[in-house]
């Protein structure tokens, strides 16, 4: 394997991420070529960073490494990410801080604590739909539905419309093939935005509609792009939830360990986030010349941060390929770092904790019901489908004793 040409060809191949083992590539890169130039092809040329400290340093230097010009690798023919300079994900300071200030209160520790009863009720409703009814897909039927119920509540969607959000986002984001579903979602948001402009309520959308950034109201386009970004970003939470369930199915000894000692729950959540690392990469663009490990990064060069690789860095994590719910310390990069540290981090952890608590306390055994299919993507990683069966009655062994 050990050639940069091989890496350039295979690292951006979605099939490698779906059916191969990208960690084998990243491990070689960390050891031999941690700052690697990938020449242009269908994708523009870019630098690959695979070591933890390099990824963290770029995350924490938004002045040298900009998000405004795009945070995902896209074919050159498609141009930059839409919404550049307008959304939380695609802005640099000071605009990023201004937008973050409009939304931060809705994702604060206090706000998430106040939301816990709703998250728990949503989790019970989701599990009740699938318990005792044979096979279900844990990615869509459990993780995806829970994520949409919660973000819908925060944005301000009427509860009767939460299932619409599930359907539209499933088709527009998860499947990635339905322009019609995306247009329906945008029309819905436009109507809801118009309602909040006429009559603001106590929700995140009203904060976007009535709040100011740099002394001015947001343009309607900015509001819509940020709503779309918030909904699309739940895919990472969905994959962490489903990936965490898969990790326990693959490592039943760790599930039994959590059953025996609930004090491990906080560490278990961090290990799930590290292990799943659902955002496969994040991209930055150099605003000036920089040097990383002796490699000269020119102004305008794209720099890609391979997050799962950083979270398996042997220099930072002892035995990094072991799923260990007692791992401490665990300073993973699954939620980014610096200015772009995930605004929904507290919410993501709460959703994980409450789902695990519900599985431990209120449902019967969860069993694999078929082969797992992984996402064919270089942007996000994890199970595309995870067939499981959930018993209707409570059982102390909520996950199987044997894989």
Protein backbone atom coordinates (compact mmCIF):
# COMPACT_ATOMS: atom_id res chain seq x y z
CA UNK A 1 0.00 0.00 0.00
CA UNK A 2 2.66 2.41 1.09
CA UNK A 3 2.60 5.06 -1.60
CA UNK A 4 1.04 8.49 -1.58
CA UNK A 5 -0.42 7.80 -5.04
CA UNK A 6 -2.31 4.83 -3.62
CA UNK A 7 -3.62 6.99 -0.80
CA UNK A 8 -4.73 9.76 -3.14
CA UNK A 9 -6.76 7.30 -5.16
CA UNK A 10 -8.35 5.36 -2.31
CA UNK A 11 -8.80 7.85 0.53
CA UNK A 12 -11.49 9.74 -1.41
CA UNK A 13 -13.16 6.60 -2.74
CA UNK A 14 -16.58 6.27 -1.07
CA UNK A 15 -16.45 2.51 -1.60
CA UNK A 16 -13.39 2.29 0.66
CA UNK A 17 -15.38 3.99 3.40
CA UNK A 18 -18.44 1.81 2.79
CA UNK A 19 -16.85 -1.62 2.44
CA UNK A 20 -13.14 -1.21 3.01
CA UNK A 21 -11.08 0.00 5.93
CA UNK A 22 -10.07 3.68 5.74
CA UNK A 23 -8.36 3.29 9.12
CA UNK A 24 -5.67 1.20 7.44
CA UNK A 25 -4.94 4.14 5.15
CA UNK A 26 -5.02 6.69 7.95
CA UNK A 27 -2.73 4.58 10.15
CA UNK A 28 -0.14 4.43 7.38
CA UNK A 29 -0.44 8.16 6.79
CA UNK A 30 -0.03 9.03 10.47
CA UNK A 31 3.18 7.01 10.56
CA UNK A 32 4.64 7.92 7.16
CA UNK A 33 3.02 10.99 5.59
CA UNK A 34 0.87 12.86 8.14
CA UNK A 35 0.71 16.04 6.01
CA UNK A 36 0.06 14.64 2.56
CA UNK A 37 -0.70 16.44 -0.70
CA UNK A 38 -3.53 14.86 -2.67
CA UNK A 39 -3.29 15.98 -6.31
CA UNK A 40 -6.39 17.24 -8.13
CA UNK A 41 -8.72 14.96 -10.03
CA UNK A 42 -12.48 15.03 -9.83
CA UNK A 43 -11.85 16.73 -6.49
CA UNK A 44 -9.59 19.78 -6.27
CA UNK A 45 -6.13 19.24 -4.82
CA UNK A 46 -5.86 19.34 -1.03
CA UNK A 47 -3.64 18.61 1.94
CA UNK A 48 -4.61 15.68 4.18
CA UNK A 49 -3.97 15.97 7.92
CA UNK A 50 -4.20 12.74 9.92
CA UNK A 51 -2.46 13.47 13.25
CA UNK A 52 -4.41 14.65 16.28
CA UNK A 53 -2.25 17.65 17.15
CA UNK A 54 -2.23 18.99 13.59
CA UNK A 55 -5.99 18.67 13.25
CA UNK A 56 -6.56 20.36 16.59
CA UNK A 57 -4.17 23.20 15.72
CA UNK A 58 -5.98 23.95 12.45
CA UNK A 59 -9.36 23.84 14.19
CA UNK A 60 -8.11 26.40 16.69
CA UNK A 61 -6.70 28.85 14.12
CA UNK A 62 -9.69 30.21 12.15
CA UNK A 63 -7.71 33.26 11.05
CA UNK A 64 -5.19 31.18 9.09
CA UNK A 65 -7.58 28.38 8.12
CA UNK A 66 -10.96 29.68 6.98
CA UNK A 67 -14.32 27.87 7.03
CA UNK A 68 -16.11 30.49 4.93
CA UNK A 69 -14.93 29.00 1.63
CA UNK A 70 -16.34 25.55 2.35
CA UNK A 71 -15.94 22.82 4.94
CA UNK A 72 -16.54 19.75 2.75
CA UNK A 73 -14.66 18.33 -0.20
CA UNK A 74 -16.77 18.80 -3.30
CA UNK A 75 -16.06 18.10 -6.97
CA UNK A 76 -14.57 21.20 -8.60
CA UNK A 77 -17.51 21.38 -11.02
CA UNK A 78 -19.91 21.97 -8.10
CA UNK A 79 -18.01 24.92 -6.65
CA UNK A 80 -18.00 25.86 -2.96
CA UNK A 81 -20.52 24.82 -0.32
CA UNK A 82 -23.77 26.81 -0.64
CA UNK A 83 -24.30 29.29 2.16
CA UNK A 84 -20.67 30.34 2.45
CA UNK A 85 -20.33 33.35 4.75
CA UNK A 86 -23.93 33.00 5.93
CA UNK A 87 -24.21 29.93 8.19
CA UNK A 88 -22.68 29.00 11.50
CA UNK A 89 -20.61 26.28 9.85
CA UNK A 90 -19.42 28.46 6.97
CA UNK A 91 -18.29 31.63 8.70
CA UNK A 92 -15.15 32.89 10.42
CA UNK A 93 -14.80 35.37 13.28
CA UNK A 94 -16.30 37.85 13.88
CA UNK A 95 -19.40 36.77 11.91
CA UNK A 96 -19.28 33.26 13.35
CA UNK A 97 -19.46 34.61 16.90
CA UNK A 98 -22.36 36.89 15.99
CA UNK A 99 -24.40 34.03 14.53
CA UNK A 100 -23.44 31.70 17.36
CA UNK A 101 -24.72 34.25 19.89
CA UNK A 102 -28.17 34.12 18.27
CA UNK A 103 -28.43 30.35 18.75
CA UNK A 104 -26.25 29.49 21.73
CA UNK A 105 -28.92 29.88 24.42
CA UNK A 106 -30.99 27.14 22.78
CA UNK A 107 -28.15 24.64 23.18
CA UNK A 108 -26.81 25.72 26.57
CA UNK A 109 -26.52 23.36 29.53
CA UNK A 110 -29.57 24.99 31.12
CA UNK A 111 -31.65 24.77 27.94
CA UNK A 112 -30.79 21.10 27.43
CA UNK A 113 -31.59 20.37 31.07
CA UNK A 114 -35.00 22.00 30.59
CA UNK A 115 -35.46 19.90 27.44
CA UNK A 116 -34.65 16.57 29.07
CA UNK A 117 -38.25 15.61 29.77
CA UNK A 118 -39.07 16.16 26.11
CA UNK A 119 -36.04 14.15 24.98
CA UNK A 120 -37.06 11.31 27.28
CA UNK A 121 -40.65 11.41 26.04
CA UNK A 122 -39.45 11.47 22.43
CA UNK A 123 -37.15 8.53 23.12
CA UNK A 124 -39.98 6.52 24.68
CA UNK A 125 -42.23 7.30 21.71
CA UNK A 126 -39.54 6.24 19.25
CA UNK A 127 -38.84 2.97 21.05
CA UNK A 128 -42.55 2.25 21.49
CA UNK A 129 -42.98 2.40 17.70
CA UNK A 130 -40.49 -0.42 17.16
CA UNK A 131 -40.60 -2.58 20.29
CA UNK A 132 -42.22 -5.93 19.69
CA UNK A 133 -42.89 -5.26 16.00
CA UNK A 134 -40.14 -7.36 14.49
CA UNK A 135 -37.19 -5.92 12.61
CA UNK A 136 -36.50 -2.17 12.39
CA UNK A 137 -33.66 -0.03 11.13
CA UNK A 138 -31.99 1.56 14.15
CA UNK A 139 -30.46 4.29 11.98
CA UNK A 140 -33.74 5.61 10.63
CA UNK A 141 -36.41 4.30 12.99
CA UNK A 142 -34.62 5.05 16.25
CA UNK A 143 -31.67 7.43 15.87
CA UNK A 144 -32.97 9.49 12.97
CA UNK A 145 -36.49 9.87 14.34
CA UNK A 146 -35.22 10.84 17.81
CA UNK A 147 -32.87 13.46 16.35
CA UNK A 148 -35.64 15.00 14.26
CA UNK A 149 -38.17 15.06 17.10
CA UNK A 150 -35.70 16.97 19.27
CA UNK A 151 -34.39 19.49 16.73
CA UNK A 152 -37.97 20.07 15.54
CA UNK A 153 -38.94 21.04 19.07
CA UNK A 154 -35.98 23.42 19.40
CA UNK A 155 -36.60 25.12 16.03
CA UNK A 156 -40.27 25.53 16.85
CA UNK A 157 -42.08 23.07 14.61
CA UNK A 158 -45.54 22.03 15.76
CA UNK A 159 -45.39 18.49 17.12
CA UNK A 160 -47.86 17.33 14.45
CA UNK A 161 -45.23 18.22 11.81
CA UNK A 162 -42.33 16.29 13.31
CA UNK A 163 -43.02 13.24 11.16
CA UNK A 164 -42.96 15.48 8.06
CA UNK A 165 -39.50 16.61 9.11
CA UNK A 166 -38.45 12.98 9.49
CA UNK A 167 -39.62 12.14 5.98
CA UNK A 168 -38.17 15.21 4.27
CA UNK A 169 -34.78 14.97 5.94
CA UNK A 170 -34.60 11.24 5.31
CA UNK A 171 -35.08 11.87 1.60
CA UNK A 172 -33.19 15.16 1.29
CA UNK A 173 -30.18 14.54 3.55
CA UNK A 174 -29.82 10.88 4.45
CA UNK A 175 -30.62 9.48 1.01
CA UNK A 176 -29.11 12.52 -0.67
CA UNK A 177 -31.16 12.00 -3.83
CA UNK A 178 -34.42 13.92 -3.54
CA UNK A 179 -34.39 17.51 -4.75
CA UNK A 180 -38.18 17.50 -4.39
CA UNK A 181 -37.97 16.68 -0.68
CA UNK A 182 -35.40 19.42 -0.18
CA UNK A 183 -37.66 21.93 -1.92
CA UNK A 184 -40.62 20.85 0.21
CA UNK A 185 -38.53 21.34 3.34
CA UNK A 186 -37.46 24.83 2.23
CA UNK A 187 -41.04 25.85 1.38
CA UNK A 188 -42.12 24.66 4.81
CA UNK A 189 -39.37 26.69 6.48
CA UNK A 190 -40.29 29.78 4.44
CA UNK A 191 -43.91 29.54 5.60
CA UNK A 192 -42.82 28.99 9.20
CA UNK A 193 -40.37 31.89 8.98
CA UNK A 194 -43.14 34.18 7.71
CA UNK A 195 -45.32 33.14 10.65
CA UNK A 196 -42.56 33.94 13.15
CA UNK A 197 -41.90 37.31 11.50
CA UNK A 198 -45.56 38.18 12.03
CA UNK A 199 -45.81 36.64 15.48
CA UNK A 200 -42.57 35.58 17.23
CA UNK A 201 -42.75 32.82 19.83
CA UNK A 202 -40.32 31.17 22.23
CA UNK A 203 -38.18 29.08 19.88
CA UNK A 204 -34.92 29.12 17.98
CA UNK A 205 -36.50 30.26 14.72
CA UNK A 206 -37.92 33.32 16.43
CA UNK A 207 -34.44 34.10 17.77
CA UNK A 208 -33.09 34.00 14.21
CA UNK A 209 -35.95 36.12 12.89
CA UNK A 210 -35.87 38.81 15.58
CA UNK A 211 -32.20 38.79 16.64
CA UNK A 212 -29.50 41.00 15.21
CA UNK A 213 -25.93 40.35 14.14
CA UNK A 214 -23.64 43.34 13.93
CA UNK A 215 -26.67 45.51 14.59
CA UNK A 216 -28.74 44.21 11.68
CA UNK A 217 -31.47 41.63 11.24
CA UNK A 218 -30.48 38.51 9.33
CA UNK A 219 -31.51 38.34 5.68
CA UNK A 220 -34.20 35.76 4.93
CA UNK A 221 -31.64 33.75 2.94
CA UNK A 222 -29.35 33.63 5.97
CA UNK A 223 -32.17 32.39 8.19
CA UNK A 224 -33.08 29.63 5.74
CA UNK A 225 -29.48 28.52 5.25
CA UNK A 226 -28.98 28.32 9.01
CA UNK A 227 -32.18 26.30 9.48
CA UNK A 228 -31.04 23.93 6.75
CA UNK A 229 -27.61 23.70 8.36
CA UNK A 230 -29.07 22.89 11.78
CA UNK A 231 -31.32 20.16 10.41
CA UNK A 232 -28.60 18.71 8.17
CA UNK A 233 -26.13 18.70 11.07
CA UNK A 234 -28.37 16.30 13.00
CA UNK A 235 -27.05 13.60 10.66
CA UNK A 236 -23.90 13.49 12.77
CA UNK A 237 -25.98 13.03 15.92
CA UNK A 238 -28.05 10.35 14.22
CA UNK A 239 -24.91 8.46 13.23
CA UNK A 240 -23.42 8.78 16.72
CA UNK A 241 -26.62 7.35 18.25
CA UNK A 242 -26.80 4.47 15.78
CA UNK A 243 -23.04 3.94 15.82
CA UNK A 244 -23.07 3.78 19.60
CA UNK A 245 -25.74 1.08 19.51
CA UNK A 246 -23.69 -0.83 16.94
CA UNK A 247 -20.56 -0.50 19.09
CA UNK A 248 -22.34 -2.13 22.03
CA UNK A 249 -23.75 -4.88 19.81
CA UNK A 250 -20.20 -5.55 18.62
CA UNK A 251 -18.78 -5.33 22.17
CA UNK A 252 -21.38 -6.87 24.51
CA UNK A 253 -18.81 -7.02 27.31
CA UNK A 254 -18.85 -3.21 27.38
CA UNK A 255 -22.64 -3.18 27.57
CA UNK A 256 -22.57 -5.54 30.54
CA UNK A 257 -19.96 -3.29 32.11
CA UNK A 258 -22.30 -0.29 31.77
CA UNK A 259 -25.21 -2.32 33.16
CA UNK A 260 -23.15 -3.10 36.24
CA UNK A 261 -21.86 0.43 36.81
CA UNK A 262 -23.91 3.41 35.67
CA UNK A 263 -21.18 5.73 36.92
CA UNK A 264 -19.41 4.89 33.65
CA UNK A 265 -22.11 6.65 31.62
CA UNK A 266 -20.24 9.97 31.07
CA UNK A 267 -17.08 8.17 29.97
CA UNK A 268 -19.14 5.79 27.81
CA UNK A 269 -20.69 8.73 25.96
CA UNK A 270 -17.29 10.24 25.22
CA UNK A 271 -16.01 6.89 23.99
CA UNK A 272 -19.00 6.51 21.68
CA UNK A 273 -18.29 9.95 20.23
CA UNK A 274 -14.60 9.10 19.73
CA UNK A 275 -15.32 5.64 18.36
CA UNK A 276 -17.99 6.71 15.88
CA UNK A 277 -16.39 10.03 14.77
CA UNK A 278 -19.36 10.47 12.46
CA UNK A 279 -17.98 13.55 10.69
CA UNK A 280 -15.35 11.93 8.50
CA UNK A 281 -13.68 15.14 7.44
CA UNK A 282 -13.81 18.90 7.74
CA UNK A 283 -12.06 21.21 5.31
CA UNK A 284 -10.42 24.61 5.71
CA UNK A 285 -8.80 27.01 3.24
CA UNK A 286 -5.50 28.70 4.05
CA UNK A 287 -5.77 32.49 4.12
CA UNK A 288 -1.99 32.88 4.22
CA UNK A 289 1.13 30.76 3.93
CA UNK A 290 1.56 28.29 6.77
CA UNK A 291 3.93 25.44 7.63
CA UNK A 292 2.76 22.15 9.17
CA UNK A 293 5.39 19.52 9.99
CA UNK A 294 7.75 21.13 7.49
CA UNK A 295 5.23 21.12 4.63
CA UNK A 296 4.50 24.53 3.12
CA UNK A 297 0.79 25.27 2.83
CA UNK A 298 0.21 28.08 0.32
CA UNK A 299 -2.49 30.73 0.56
CA UNK A 300 -5.64 29.33 -1.05
CA UNK A 301 -4.71 25.68 -0.47
CA UNK A 302 -7.42 23.40 0.88
CA UNK A 303 -6.62 21.51 4.08
CA UNK A 304 -8.68 18.46 4.99
CA UNK A 305 -8.89 17.25 8.58
CA UNK A 306 -9.55 13.50 8.77
CA UNK A 307 -11.28 13.42 12.16
CA UNK A 308 -11.56 9.63 12.70
CA UNK A 309 -7.83 9.40 12.08
CA UNK A 310 -7.09 12.01 14.75
CA UNK A 311 -9.30 10.09 17.14
CA UNK A 312 -7.21 6.94 16.59
CA UNK A 313 -3.84 8.67 16.96
CA UNK A 314 -1.58 6.32 18.90
CA UNK A 315 0.36 9.25 20.37
CA UNK A 316 -2.78 10.52 22.10
CA UNK A 317 -5.00 7.50 22.79
CA UNK A 318 -3.74 4.34 24.44
CA UNK A 319 -4.81 1.27 22.48
CA UNK A 320 -6.95 3.49 20.21
CA UNK A 321 -8.62 0.63 18.33
CA UNK A 322 -10.17 -0.72 21.53
CA UNK A 323 -13.73 0.37 22.41
CA UNK A 324 -13.38 1.13 26.12
CA UNK A 325 -16.27 2.85 27.94
CA UNK A 326 -13.99 3.59 30.88
CA UNK A 327 -11.41 5.46 28.80
CA UNK A 328 -9.99 8.51 30.57
CA UNK A 329 -8.78 10.97 29.57
CA UNK A 330 -10.63 11.10 26.26
CA UNK A 331 -10.00 14.46 24.60
CA UNK A 332 -11.40 13.41 21.24
CA UNK A 333 -12.08 15.71 18.30
CA UNK A 334 -15.46 14.29 17.29
CA UNK A 335 -17.14 17.59 18.20
CA UNK A 336 -14.36 19.73 16.68
CA UNK A 337 -12.35 22.26 18.72
CA UNK A 338 -11.91 25.99 19.03
CA UNK A 339 -14.30 28.47 17.40
CA UNK A 340 -16.24 25.72 15.63
CA UNK A 341 -16.70 23.43 18.63
CA UNK A 342 -20.11 21.85 18.06
CA UNK A 343 -22.86 24.16 19.31
CA UNK A 344 -25.03 21.10 19.92
CA UNK A 345 -22.46 19.18 21.96
CA UNK A 346 -24.45 19.27 25.21
CA UNK A 347 -27.60 18.21 23.35
CA UNK A 348 -25.80 15.36 21.58
CA UNK A 349 -24.49 14.01 24.88
CA UNK A 350 -27.93 14.27 26.48
CA UNK A 351 -29.58 12.38 23.62
CA UNK A 352 -26.98 9.63 23.88
CA UNK A 353 -27.35 9.35 27.64
CA UNK A 354 -31.13 9.27 27.62
CA UNK A 355 -31.28 6.70 24.79
CA UNK A 356 -28.86 4.45 26.67
CA UNK A 357 -30.85 4.87 29.88
CA UNK A 358 -34.06 3.93 28.09
CA UNK A 359 -32.44 0.86 26.56
CA UNK A 360 -31.11 -0.17 29.95
CA UNK A 361 -34.30 0.43 31.89
CA UNK A 362 -37.40 0.25 29.75
CA UNK A 363 -37.12 -2.09 26.76
CA UNK A 364 -36.41 -5.73 26.15
CA UNK A 365 -33.34 -7.19 24.46
CA UNK A 366 -31.92 -5.52 21.36
CA UNK A 367 -30.65 -8.09 18.86
CA UNK A 368 -28.99 -7.83 15.43
CA UNK A 369 -31.48 -8.68 12.68
CA UNK A 370 -29.31 -8.67 9.57
CA UNK A 371 -26.11 -7.36 7.99
CA UNK A 372 -25.04 -3.77 8.59
CA UNK A 373 -24.58 -1.53 5.56
CA UNK A 374 -22.16 1.37 5.93
CA UNK A 375 -22.49 4.78 4.31
CA UNK A 376 -20.91 5.28 0.92
CA UNK A 377 -19.52 8.71 1.76
CA UNK A 378 -16.32 10.58 2.52
CA UNK A 379 -18.20 13.29 4.44
CA UNK A 380 -19.92 11.25 7.16
CA UNK A 381 -19.27 7.75 8.40
CA UNK A 382 -21.26 5.09 10.14
CA UNK A 383 -24.06 2.64 9.49
CA UNK A 384 -26.45 3.44 6.67
CA UNK A 385 -28.76 0.68 7.86
CA UNK A 386 -28.62 -1.24 11.14
CA UNK A 387 -31.33 -3.93 11.29
CA UNK A 388 -32.29 -4.82 14.86
CA UNK A 389 -35.12 -6.43 16.80
CA UNK A 390 -36.31 -4.97 20.10
CA UNK A 391 -38.45 -7.02 22.45
CA UNK A 392 -41.61 -5.43 23.80
CA UNK A 393 -41.10 -6.33 27.44
CA UNK A 394 -38.39 -5.27 29.86
CA UNK A 395 -35.38 -7.56 30.25
CA UNK A 396 -32.32 -6.88 32.38
CA UNK A 397 -30.15 -7.86 29.41
CA UNK A 398 -31.29 -5.04 27.11
CA UNK A 399 -28.53 -5.93 24.69
CA UNK A 400 -27.52 -9.51 23.95
CA UNK A 401 -25.01 -11.23 26.19
CA UNK A 402 -23.20 -12.55 23.15
CA UNK A 403 -22.48 -10.83 19.86
